[in-house]
Amino acid sequence: MAQRFIKDPADVLDYKFDWSDWLADGETVSTRTVTVETGLAKDSDSITDTGTSVTVGLSGGTAGNEYDVACLIATSSSRTVKRSITVRVENL
């Protein structure tokens, strides 16, 4: 995934980890653990899109800083994988 996003400190936005290209046919996300670097707030996280994605609600952050957000999943086939995104906060 290795994606980068830009948000304003006042934004409250959802970010999606889409696993559909990685999952085998019929395989779904069973559990997820989302970790957010200190300074950015995780408001919510859930398994979405019939078990093929994890959506994370983020808010806050300090302008000029970058934050890593990691998502570790376990699948219905007992496989695990972790990917991260970077969120840069800027006054927009």
PDB file of N, CA and C in Angstrom:
ATOM      1  N   MET A   1       0.826  -1.188   0.000  1.00  0.00           N
ATOM      2  CA  MET A   1       0.000   0.000   0.000  1.00  0.00           C
ATOM      3  C   MET A   1       0.868   1.249   0.000  1.00  0.00           C
ATOM      4  N   ALA A   2       1.674   1.479   0.986  1.00  0.00           N
ATOM      5  CA  ALA A   2       2.616   2.593   1.042  1.00  0.00           C
ATOM      6  C   ALA A   2       2.037   3.885   0.466  1.00  0.00           C
ATOM      7  N   GLN A   3       0.893   4.282   0.951  1.00  0.00           N
ATOM      8  CA  GLN A   3       0.235   5.486   0.453  1.00  0.00           C
ATOM      9  C   GLN A   3       0.473   6.655   1.394  1.00  0.00           C
ATOM     10  N   ARG A   4       0.431   7.855   0.818  1.00  0.00           N
ATOM     11  CA  ARG A   4       0.588   9.090   1.585  1.00  0.00           C
ATOM     12  C   ARG A   4      -0.643   9.952   1.356  1.00  0.00           C
ATOM     13  N   PHE A   5      -1.103  10.559   2.438  1.00  0.00           N
ATOM     14  CA  PHE A   5      -2.280  11.421   2.376  1.00  0.00           C
ATOM     15  C   PHE A   5      -1.977  12.736   3.061  1.00  0.00           C
ATOM     16  N   ILE A   6      -2.701  13.790   2.672  1.00  0.00           N
ATOM     17  CA  ILE A   6      -2.580  15.096   3.322  1.00  0.00           C
ATOM     18  C   ILE A   6      -3.944  15.448   3.899  1.00  0.00           C
ATOM     19  N   LYS A   7      -3.943  15.931   5.143  1.00  0.00           N
ATOM     20  CA  LYS A   7      -5.186  16.388   5.783  1.00  0.00           C
ATOM     21  C   LYS A   7      -4.929  17.663   6.546  1.00  0.00           C
ATOM     22  N   ASP A   8      -5.969  18.453   6.752  1.00  0.00           N
ATOM     23  CA  ASP A   8      -5.932  19.643   7.591  1.00  0.00           C
ATOM     24  C   ASP A   8      -6.144  19.208   9.040  1.00  0.00           C
ATOM     25  N   PRO A   9      -5.578  19.922  10.026  1.00  0.00           N
ATOM     26  CA  PRO A   9      -5.790  19.546  11.429  1.00  0.00           C
ATOM     27  C   PRO A   9      -7.271  19.491  11.819  1.00  0.00           C
ATOM     28  N   ALA A  10      -8.121  20.269  11.145  1.00  0.00           N
ATOM     29  CA  ALA A  10      -9.549  20.300  11.478  1.00  0.00           C
ATOM     30  C   ALA A  10     -10.346  19.184  10.795  1.00  0.00           C
ATOM     31  N   ASP A  11      -9.738  18.510   9.817  1.00  0.00           N
ATOM     32  CA  ASP A  11     -10.447  17.451   9.094  1.00  0.00           C
ATOM     33  C   ASP A  11     -10.711  16.238   9.975  1.00  0.00           C
ATOM     34  N   VAL A  12     -11.871  15.665   9.807  1.00  0.00           N
ATOM     35  CA  VAL A  12     -12.213  14.361  10.384  1.00  0.00           C
ATOM     36  C   VAL A  12     -12.578  13.497   9.178  1.00  0.00           C
ATOM     37  N   LEU A  13     -11.661  12.598   8.801  1.00  0.00           N
ATOM     38  CA  LEU A  13     -11.801  11.870   7.554  1.00  0.00           C
ATOM     39  C   LEU A  13     -11.609  10.370   7.746  1.00  0.00           C
ATOM     40  N   ASP A  14     -12.175   9.592   6.808  1.00  0.00           N
ATOM     41  CA  ASP A  14     -11.982   8.153   6.780  1.00  0.00           C
ATOM     42  C   ASP A  14     -10.890   7.808   5.775  1.00  0.00           C
ATOM     43  N   TYR A  15     -10.066   6.828   6.136  1.00  0.00           N
ATOM     44  CA  TYR A  15      -9.015   6.308   5.270  1.00  0.00           C
ATOM     45  C   TYR A  15      -9.216   4.805   5.182  1.00  0.00           C
ATOM     46  N   LYS A  16      -9.027   4.269   3.973  1.00  0.00           N
ATOM     47  CA  LYS A  16      -9.338   2.862   3.758  1.00  0.00           C
ATOM     48  C   LYS A  16      -8.091   2.050   3.420  1.00  0.00           C
ATOM     49  N   PHE A  17      -7.934   0.932   4.117  1.00  0.00           N
ATOM     50  CA  PHE A  17      -6.954  -0.084   3.763  1.00  0.00           C
ATOM     51  C   PHE A  17      -7.726  -1.136   2.965  1.00  0.00           C
ATOM     52  N   ASP A  18      -7.503  -1.180   1.662  1.00  0.00           N
ATOM     53  CA  ASP A  18      -8.227  -2.089   0.780  1.00  0.00           C
ATOM     54  C   ASP A  18      -7.374  -3.342   0.549  1.00  0.00           C
ATOM     55  N   TRP A  19      -7.843  -4.459   1.042  1.00  0.00           N
ATOM     56  CA  TRP A  19      -7.114  -5.729   0.950  1.00  0.00           C
ATOM     57  C   TRP A  19      -7.615  -6.601  -0.191  1.00  0.00           C
ATOM     58  N   SER A  20      -8.579  -6.142  -0.983  1.00  0.00           N
ATOM     59  CA  SER A  20      -9.250  -6.997  -1.966  1.00  0.00           C
ATOM     60  C   SER A  20      -8.284  -7.614  -2.988  1.00  0.00           C
ATOM     61  N   ASP A  21      -7.263  -6.905  -3.409  1.00  0.00           N
ATOM     62  CA  ASP A  21      -6.299  -7.464  -4.367  1.00  0.00           C
ATOM     63  C   ASP A  21      -5.370  -8.495  -3.722  1.00  0.00           C
ATOM     64  N   TRP A  22      -5.221  -8.451  -2.427  1.00  0.00           N
ATOM     65  CA  TRP A  22      -4.321  -9.339  -1.705  1.00  0.00           C
ATOM     66  C   TRP A  22      -5.016 -10.618  -1.242  1.00  0.00           C
ATOM     67  N   LEU A  23      -6.301 -10.537  -0.938  1.00  0.00           N
ATOM     68  CA  LEU A  23      -7.054 -11.685  -0.429  1.00  0.00           C
ATOM     69  C   LEU A  23      -7.318 -12.713  -1.525  1.00  0.00           C
ATOM     70  N   ALA A  24      -7.294 -13.991  -1.131  1.00  0.00           N
ATOM     71  CA  ALA A  24      -7.651 -15.062  -2.068  1.00  0.00           C
ATOM     72  C   ALA A  24      -9.171 -15.074  -2.255  1.00  0.00           C
ATOM     73  N   ASP A  25      -9.635 -15.741  -3.289  1.00  0.00           N
ATOM     74  CA  ASP A  25     -11.075 -15.856  -3.534  1.00  0.00           C
ATOM     75  C   ASP A  25     -11.782 -16.424  -2.307  1.00  0.00           C
ATOM     76  N   GLY A  26     -12.805 -15.718  -1.836  1.00  0.00           N
ATOM     77  CA  GLY A  26     -13.583 -16.167  -0.686  1.00  0.00           C
ATOM     78  C   GLY A  26     -12.980 -15.840   0.667  1.00  0.00           C
ATOM     79  N   GLU A  27     -11.764 -15.352   0.691  1.00  0.00           N
ATOM     80  CA  GLU A  27     -11.088 -15.009   1.946  1.00  0.00           C
ATOM     81  C   GLU A  27     -11.519 -13.609   2.384  1.00  0.00           C
ATOM     82  N   THR A  28     -11.677 -13.413   3.685  1.00  0.00           N
ATOM     83  CA  THR A  28     -12.075 -12.113   4.217  1.00  0.00           C
ATOM     84  C   THR A  28     -11.203 -11.730   5.407  1.00  0.00           C
ATOM     85  N   VAL A  29     -11.266 -10.465   5.767  1.00  0.00           N
ATOM     86  CA  VAL A  29     -10.588  -9.969   6.963  1.00  0.00           C
ATOM     87  C   VAL A  29     -11.407 -10.406   8.174  1.00  0.00           C
ATOM     88  N   SER A  30     -10.769 -11.110   9.106  1.00  0.00           N
ATOM     89  CA  SER A  30     -11.454 -11.575  10.316  1.00  0.00           C
ATOM     90  C   SER A  30     -11.262 -10.619  11.487  1.00  0.00           C
ATOM     91  N   THR A  31     -10.023 -10.144  11.665  1.00  0.00           N
ATOM     92  CA  THR A  31      -9.727  -9.209  12.753  1.00  0.00           C
ATOM     93  C   THR A  31      -8.776  -8.143  12.230  1.00  0.00           C
ATOM     94  N   ARG A  32      -8.772  -7.024  12.920  1.00  0.00           N
ATOM     95  CA  ARG A  32      -7.865  -5.943  12.557  1.00  0.00           C
ATOM     96  C   ARG A  32      -7.381  -5.256  13.825  1.00  0.00           C
ATOM     97  N   THR A  33      -6.141  -4.746  13.749  1.00  0.00           N
ATOM     98  CA  THR A  33      -5.569  -3.911  14.793  1.00  0.00           C
ATOM     99  C   THR A  33      -4.970  -2.701  14.105  1.00  0.00           C
ATOM    100  N   VAL A  34      -5.518  -1.536  14.420  1.00  0.00           N
ATOM    101  CA  VAL A  34      -5.041  -0.300  13.806  1.00  0.00           C
ATOM    102  C   VAL A  34      -4.290   0.502  14.866  1.00  0.00           C
ATOM    103  N   THR A  35      -3.061   0.889  14.544  1.00  0.00           N
ATOM    104  CA  THR A  35      -2.269   1.719  15.451  1.00  0.00           C
ATOM    105  C   THR A  35      -1.957   3.039  14.763  1.00  0.00           C
ATOM    106  N   VAL A  36      -2.037   4.097  15.552  1.00  0.00           N
ATOM    107  CA  VAL A  36      -1.843   5.453  15.038  1.00  0.00           C
ATOM    108  C   VAL A  36      -0.760   6.120  15.869  1.00  0.00           C
ATOM    109  N   GLU A  37       0.174   6.749  15.188  1.00  0.00           N
ATOM    110  CA  GLU A  37       1.260   7.446  15.861  1.00  0.00           C
ATOM    111  C   GLU A  37       0.707   8.560  16.749  1.00  0.00           C
ATOM    112  N   THR A  38       1.311   8.735  17.912  1.00  0.00           N
ATOM    113  CA  THR A  38       0.887   9.748  18.876  1.00  0.00           C
ATOM    114  C   THR A  38       0.825  11.123  18.230  1.00  0.00           C
ATOM    115  N   GLY A  39      -0.287  11.827  18.479  1.00  0.00           N
ATOM    116  CA  GLY A  39      -0.503  13.158  17.940  1.00  0.00           C
ATOM    117  C   GLY A  39      -1.644  13.213  16.948  1.00  0.00           C
ATOM    118  N   LEU A  40      -1.960  12.070  16.359  1.00  0.00           N
ATOM    119  CA  LEU A  40      -3.095  11.935  15.451  1.00  0.00           C
ATOM    120  C   LEU A  40      -4.107  11.049  16.171  1.00  0.00           C
ATOM    121  N   ALA A  41      -5.386  11.364  16.067  1.00  0.00           N
ATOM    122  CA  ALA A  41      -6.407  10.620  16.815  1.00  0.00           C
ATOM    123  C   ALA A  41      -7.136   9.624  15.918  1.00  0.00           C
ATOM    124  N   LYS A  42      -7.248   8.393  16.415  1.00  0.00           N
ATOM    125  CA  LYS A  42      -8.083   7.380  15.747  1.00  0.00           C
ATOM    126  C   LYS A  42      -9.454   7.456  16.381  1.00  0.00           C
ATOM    127  N   ASP A  43     -10.450   7.869  15.599  1.00  0.00           N
ATOM    128  CA  ASP A  43     -11.817   8.003  16.090  1.00  0.00           C
ATOM    129  C   ASP A  43     -12.598   6.702  15.964  1.00  0.00           C
ATOM    130  N   SER A  44     -12.249   5.895  14.962  1.00  0.00           N
ATOM    131  CA  SER A  44     -12.966   4.632  14.745  1.00  0.00           C
ATOM    132  C   SER A  44     -12.152   3.750  13.811  1.00  0.00           C
ATOM    133  N   ASP A  45     -12.465   2.466  13.819  1.00  0.00           N
ATOM    134  CA  ASP A  45     -11.964   1.552  12.797  1.00  0.00           C
ATOM    135  C   ASP A  45     -12.937   0.391  12.686  1.00  0.00           C
ATOM    136  N   SER A  46     -13.134  -0.080  11.454  1.00  0.00           N
ATOM    137  CA  SER A  46     -14.081  -1.173  11.233  1.00  0.00           C
ATOM    138  C   SER A  46     -13.723  -1.938   9.968  1.00  0.00           C
ATOM    139  N   ILE A  47     -14.157  -3.193   9.932  1.00  0.00           N
ATOM    140  CA  ILE A  47     -14.030  -4.005   8.732  1.00  0.00           C
ATOM    141  C   ILE A  47     -15.193  -3.632   7.821  1.00  0.00           C
ATOM    142  N   THR A  48     -14.896  -3.300   6.565  1.00  0.00           N
ATOM    143  CA  THR A  48     -15.917  -2.797   5.640  1.00  0.00           C
ATOM    144  C   THR A  48     -15.856  -3.538   4.311  1.00  0.00           C
ATOM    145  N   ASP A  49     -16.763  -3.169   3.418  1.00  0.00           N
ATOM    146  CA  ASP A  49     -16.807  -3.717   2.057  1.00  0.00           C
ATOM    147  C   ASP A  49     -16.876  -5.241   2.072  1.00  0.00           C
ATOM    148  N   THR A  50     -17.816  -5.770   2.816  1.00  0.00           N
ATOM    149  CA  THR A  50     -18.041  -7.220   2.951  1.00  0.00           C
ATOM    150  C   THR A  50     -16.772  -7.991   3.299  1.00  0.00           C
ATOM    151  N   GLY A  51     -15.975  -7.379   4.189  1.00  0.00           N
ATOM    152  CA  GLY A  51     -14.812  -8.068   4.726  1.00  0.00           C
ATOM    153  C   GLY A  51     -13.541  -7.949   3.928  1.00  0.00           C
ATOM    154  N   THR A  52     -13.479  -7.016   2.969  1.00  0.00           N
ATOM    155  CA  THR A  52     -12.268  -6.886   2.161  1.00  0.00           C
ATOM    156  C   THR A  52     -11.463  -5.619   2.451  1.00  0.00           C
ATOM    157  N   SER A  53     -11.957  -4.760   3.329  1.00  0.00           N
ATOM    158  CA  SER A  53     -11.273  -3.504   3.651  1.00  0.00           C
ATOM    159  C   SER A  53     -11.376  -3.215   5.137  1.00  0.00           C
ATOM    160  N   VAL A  54     -10.506  -2.323   5.598  1.00  0.00           N
ATOM    161  CA  VAL A  54     -10.592  -1.764   6.940  1.00  0.00           C
ATOM    162  C   VAL A  54     -10.630  -0.252   6.779  1.00  0.00           C
ATOM    163  N   THR A  55     -11.648   0.382   7.344  1.00  0.00           N
ATOM    164  CA  THR A  55     -11.797   1.829   7.272  1.00  0.00           C
ATOM    165  C   THR A  55     -11.472   2.425   8.634  1.00  0.00           C
ATOM    166  N   VAL A  56     -10.644   3.480   8.620  1.00  0.00           N
ATOM    167  CA  VAL A  56     -10.165   4.122   9.846  1.00  0.00           C
ATOM    168  C   VAL A  56     -10.554   5.594   9.812  1.00  0.00           C
ATOM    169  N   GLY A  57     -11.207   6.073  10.867  1.00  0.00           N
ATOM    170  CA  GLY A  57     -11.538   7.483  11.003  1.00  0.00           C
ATOM    171  C   GLY A  57     -10.449   8.191  11.782  1.00  0.00           C
ATOM    172  N   LEU A  58      -9.887   9.254  11.205  1.00  0.00           N
ATOM    173  CA  LEU A  58      -8.785   9.989  11.837  1.00  0.00           C
ATOM    174  C   LEU A  58      -9.128  11.466  11.975  1.00  0.00           C
ATOM    175  N   SER A  59      -8.630  12.071  13.052  1.00  0.00           N
ATOM    176  CA  SER A  59      -8.807  13.503  13.269  1.00  0.00           C
ATOM    177  C   SER A  59      -7.559  14.063  13.942  1.00  0.00           C
ATOM    178  N   GLY A  60      -7.493  15.394  13.960  1.00  0.00           N
ATOM    179  CA  GLY A  60      -6.424  16.072  14.678  1.00  0.00           C
ATOM    180  C   GLY A  60      -5.110  16.076  13.940  1.00  0.00           C
ATOM    181  N   GLY A  61      -4.047  16.121  14.707  1.00  0.00           N
ATOM    182  CA  GLY A  61      -2.702  16.228  14.168  1.00  0.00           C
ATOM    183  C   GLY A  61      -2.229  17.661  14.205  1.00  0.00           C
ATOM    184  N   THR A  62      -0.925  17.828  14.124  1.00  0.00           N
ATOM    185  CA  THR A  62      -0.302  19.142  14.151  1.00  0.00           C
ATOM    186  C   THR A  62       0.262  19.458  12.780  1.00  0.00           C
ATOM    187  N   ALA A  63      -0.071  20.635  12.257  1.00  0.00           N
ATOM    188  CA  ALA A  63       0.415  21.043  10.940  1.00  0.00           C
ATOM    189  C   ALA A  63       1.936  20.955  10.894  1.00  0.00           C
ATOM    190  N   GLY A  64       2.435  20.389   9.800  1.00  0.00           N
ATOM    191  CA  GLY A  64       3.867  20.231   9.610  1.00  0.00           C
ATOM    192  C   GLY A  64       4.386  18.865  10.014  1.00  0.00           C
ATOM    193  N   ASN A  65       3.549  18.047  10.632  1.00  0.00           N
ATOM    194  CA  ASN A  65       3.974  16.723  11.077  1.00  0.00           C
ATOM    195  C   ASN A  65       3.422  15.630  10.172  1.00  0.00           C
ATOM    196  N   GLU A  66       4.134  14.513  10.136  1.00  0.00           N
ATOM    197  CA  GLU A  66       3.679  13.318   9.447  1.00  0.00           C
ATOM    198  C   GLU A  66       3.455  12.226  10.475  1.00  0.00           C
ATOM    199  N   TYR A  67       2.428  11.414  10.249  1.00  0.00           N
ATOM    200  CA  TYR A  67       2.046  10.358  11.174  1.00  0.00           C
ATOM    201  C   TYR A  67       1.879   9.045  10.426  1.00  0.00           C
ATOM    202  N   ASP A  68       2.393   7.980  11.014  1.00  0.00           N
ATOM    203  CA  ASP A  68       2.205   6.655  10.448  1.00  0.00           C
ATOM    204  C   ASP A  68       0.965   6.010  11.049  1.00  0.00           C
ATOM    205  N   VAL A  69       0.194   5.357  10.204  1.00  0.00           N
ATOM    206  CA  VAL A  69      -0.997   4.623  10.611  1.00  0.00           C
ATOM    207  C   VAL A  69      -0.818   3.207  10.075  1.00  0.00           C
ATOM    208  N   ALA A  70      -0.809   2.217  10.970  1.00  0.00           N
ATOM    209  CA  ALA A  70      -0.589   0.828  10.570  1.00  0.00           C
ATOM    210  C   ALA A  70      -1.844   0.005  10.790  1.00  0.00           C
ATOM    211  N   CYS A  71      -2.061  -0.951   9.896  1.00  0.00           N
ATOM    212  CA  CYS A  71      -3.203  -1.850   9.999  1.00  0.00           C
ATOM    213  C   CYS A  71      -2.698  -3.288   9.869  1.00  0.00           C
ATOM    214  N   LEU A  72      -2.878  -4.051  10.913  1.00  0.00           N
ATOM    215  CA  LEU A  72      -2.526  -5.466  10.947  1.00  0.00           C
ATOM    216  C   LEU A  72      -3.818  -6.263  10.891  1.00  0.00           C
ATOM    217  N   ILE A  73      -3.914  -7.179   9.912  1.00  0.00           N
ATOM    218  CA  ILE A  73      -5.126  -7.990   9.802  1.00  0.00           C
ATOM    219  C   ILE A  73      -4.785  -9.469   9.939  1.00  0.00           C
ATOM    220  N   ALA A  74      -5.792 -10.228  10.351  1.00  0.00           N
ATOM    221  CA  ALA A  74      -5.789 -11.681  10.256  1.00  0.00           C
ATOM    222  C   ALA A  74      -6.977 -12.042   9.385  1.00  0.00           C
ATOM    223  N   THR A  75      -6.804 -13.058   8.547  1.00  0.00           N
ATOM    224  CA  THR A  75      -7.852 -13.402   7.593  1.00  0.00           C
ATOM    225  C   THR A  75      -8.568 -14.689   7.986  1.00  0.00           C
ATOM    226  N   SER A  76      -9.631 -14.943   7.260  1.00  0.00           N
ATOM    227  CA  SER A  76     -10.409 -16.163   7.482  1.00  0.00           C
ATOM    228  C   SER A  76      -9.599 -17.417   7.156  1.00  0.00           C
ATOM    229  N   SER A  77      -8.468 -17.260   6.466  1.00  0.00           N
ATOM    230  CA  SER A  77      -7.570 -18.382   6.157  1.00  0.00           C
ATOM    231  C   SER A  77      -6.355 -18.405   7.086  1.00  0.00           C
ATOM    232  N   SER A  78      -6.449 -17.645   8.183  1.00  0.00           N
ATOM    233  CA  SER A  78      -5.380 -17.586   9.206  1.00  0.00           C
ATOM    234  C   SER A  78      -4.074 -16.990   8.691  1.00  0.00           C
ATOM    235  N   ARG A  79      -4.161 -16.146   7.684  1.00  0.00           N
ATOM    236  CA  ARG A  79      -2.981 -15.418   7.236  1.00  0.00           C
ATOM    237  C   ARG A  79      -2.971 -14.054   7.902  1.00  0.00           C
ATOM    238  N   THR A  80      -1.792 -13.472   8.082  1.00  0.00           N
ATOM    239  CA  THR A  80      -1.678 -12.133   8.661  1.00  0.00           C
ATOM    240  C   THR A  80      -0.822 -11.265   7.752  1.00  0.00           C
ATOM    241  N   VAL A  81      -1.130  -9.979   7.769  1.00  0.00           N
ATOM    242  CA  VAL A  81      -0.350  -9.011   7.000  1.00  0.00           C
ATOM    243  C   VAL A  81      -0.522  -7.641   7.650  1.00  0.00           C
ATOM    244  N   LYS A  82       0.520  -6.826   7.542  1.00  0.00           N
ATOM    245  CA  LYS A  82       0.490  -5.471   8.102  1.00  0.00           C
ATOM    246  C   LYS A  82       0.945  -4.503   7.025  1.00  0.00           C
ATOM    247  N   ARG A  83       0.204  -3.410   6.875  1.00  0.00           N
ATOM    248  CA  ARG A  83       0.563  -2.343   5.947  1.00  0.00           C
ATOM    249  C   ARG A  83       0.388  -1.001   6.658  1.00  0.00           C
ATOM    250  N   SER A  84       1.093   0.013   6.150  1.00  0.00           N
ATOM    251  CA  SER A  84       1.034   1.346   6.755  1.00  0.00           C
ATOM    252  C   SER A  84       0.762   2.405   5.705  1.00  0.00           C
ATOM    253  N   ILE A  85       0.172   3.497   6.169  1.00  0.00           N
ATOM    254  CA  ILE A  85       0.033   4.705   5.362  1.00  0.00           C
ATOM    255  C   ILE A  85       0.672   5.840   6.155  1.00  0.00           C
ATOM    256  N   THR A  86       0.969   6.920   5.468  1.00  0.00           N
ATOM    257  CA  THR A  86       1.493   8.118   6.115  1.00  0.00           C
ATOM    258  C   THR A  86       0.505   9.254   5.879  1.00  0.00           C
ATOM    259  N   VAL A  87       0.181   9.962   6.958  1.00  0.00           N
ATOM    260  CA  VAL A  87      -0.725  11.105   6.867  1.00  0.00           C
ATOM    261  C   VAL A  87       0.076  12.351   7.251  1.00  0.00           C
ATOM    262  N   ARG A  88       0.191  13.276   6.301  1.00  0.00           N
ATOM    263  CA  ARG A  88       0.860  14.555   6.564  1.00  0.00           C
ATOM    264  C   ARG A  88      -0.221  15.577   6.865  1.00  0.00           C
ATOM    265  N   VAL A  89      -0.014  16.323   7.937  1.00  0.00           N
ATOM    266  CA  VAL A  89      -0.989  17.336   8.350  1.00  0.00           C
ATOM    267  C   VAL A  89      -0.472  18.716   7.921  1.00  0.00           C
ATOM    268  N   GLU A  90      -1.302  19.419   7.181  1.00  0.00           N
ATOM    269  CA  GLU A  90      -0.981  20.762   6.707  1.00  0.00           C
ATOM    270  C   GLU A  90      -2.196  21.652   6.856  1.00  0.00           C
ATOM    271  N   ASN A  91      -1.972  22.927   7.087  1.00  0.00           N
ATOM    272  CA  ASN A  91      -3.076  23.890   7.087  1.00  0.00           C
ATOM    273  C   ASN A  91      -3.483  24.116   5.644  1.00  0.00           C
ATOM    274  N   LEU A  92      -4.660  23.650   5.293  1.00  0.00           N
ATOM    275  CA  LEU A  92      -5.129  23.751   3.909  1.00  0.00           C
ATOM    276  C   LEU A  92      -6.113  24.890   3.747  1.00  0.00           C
TER     277      LEU A  92
END
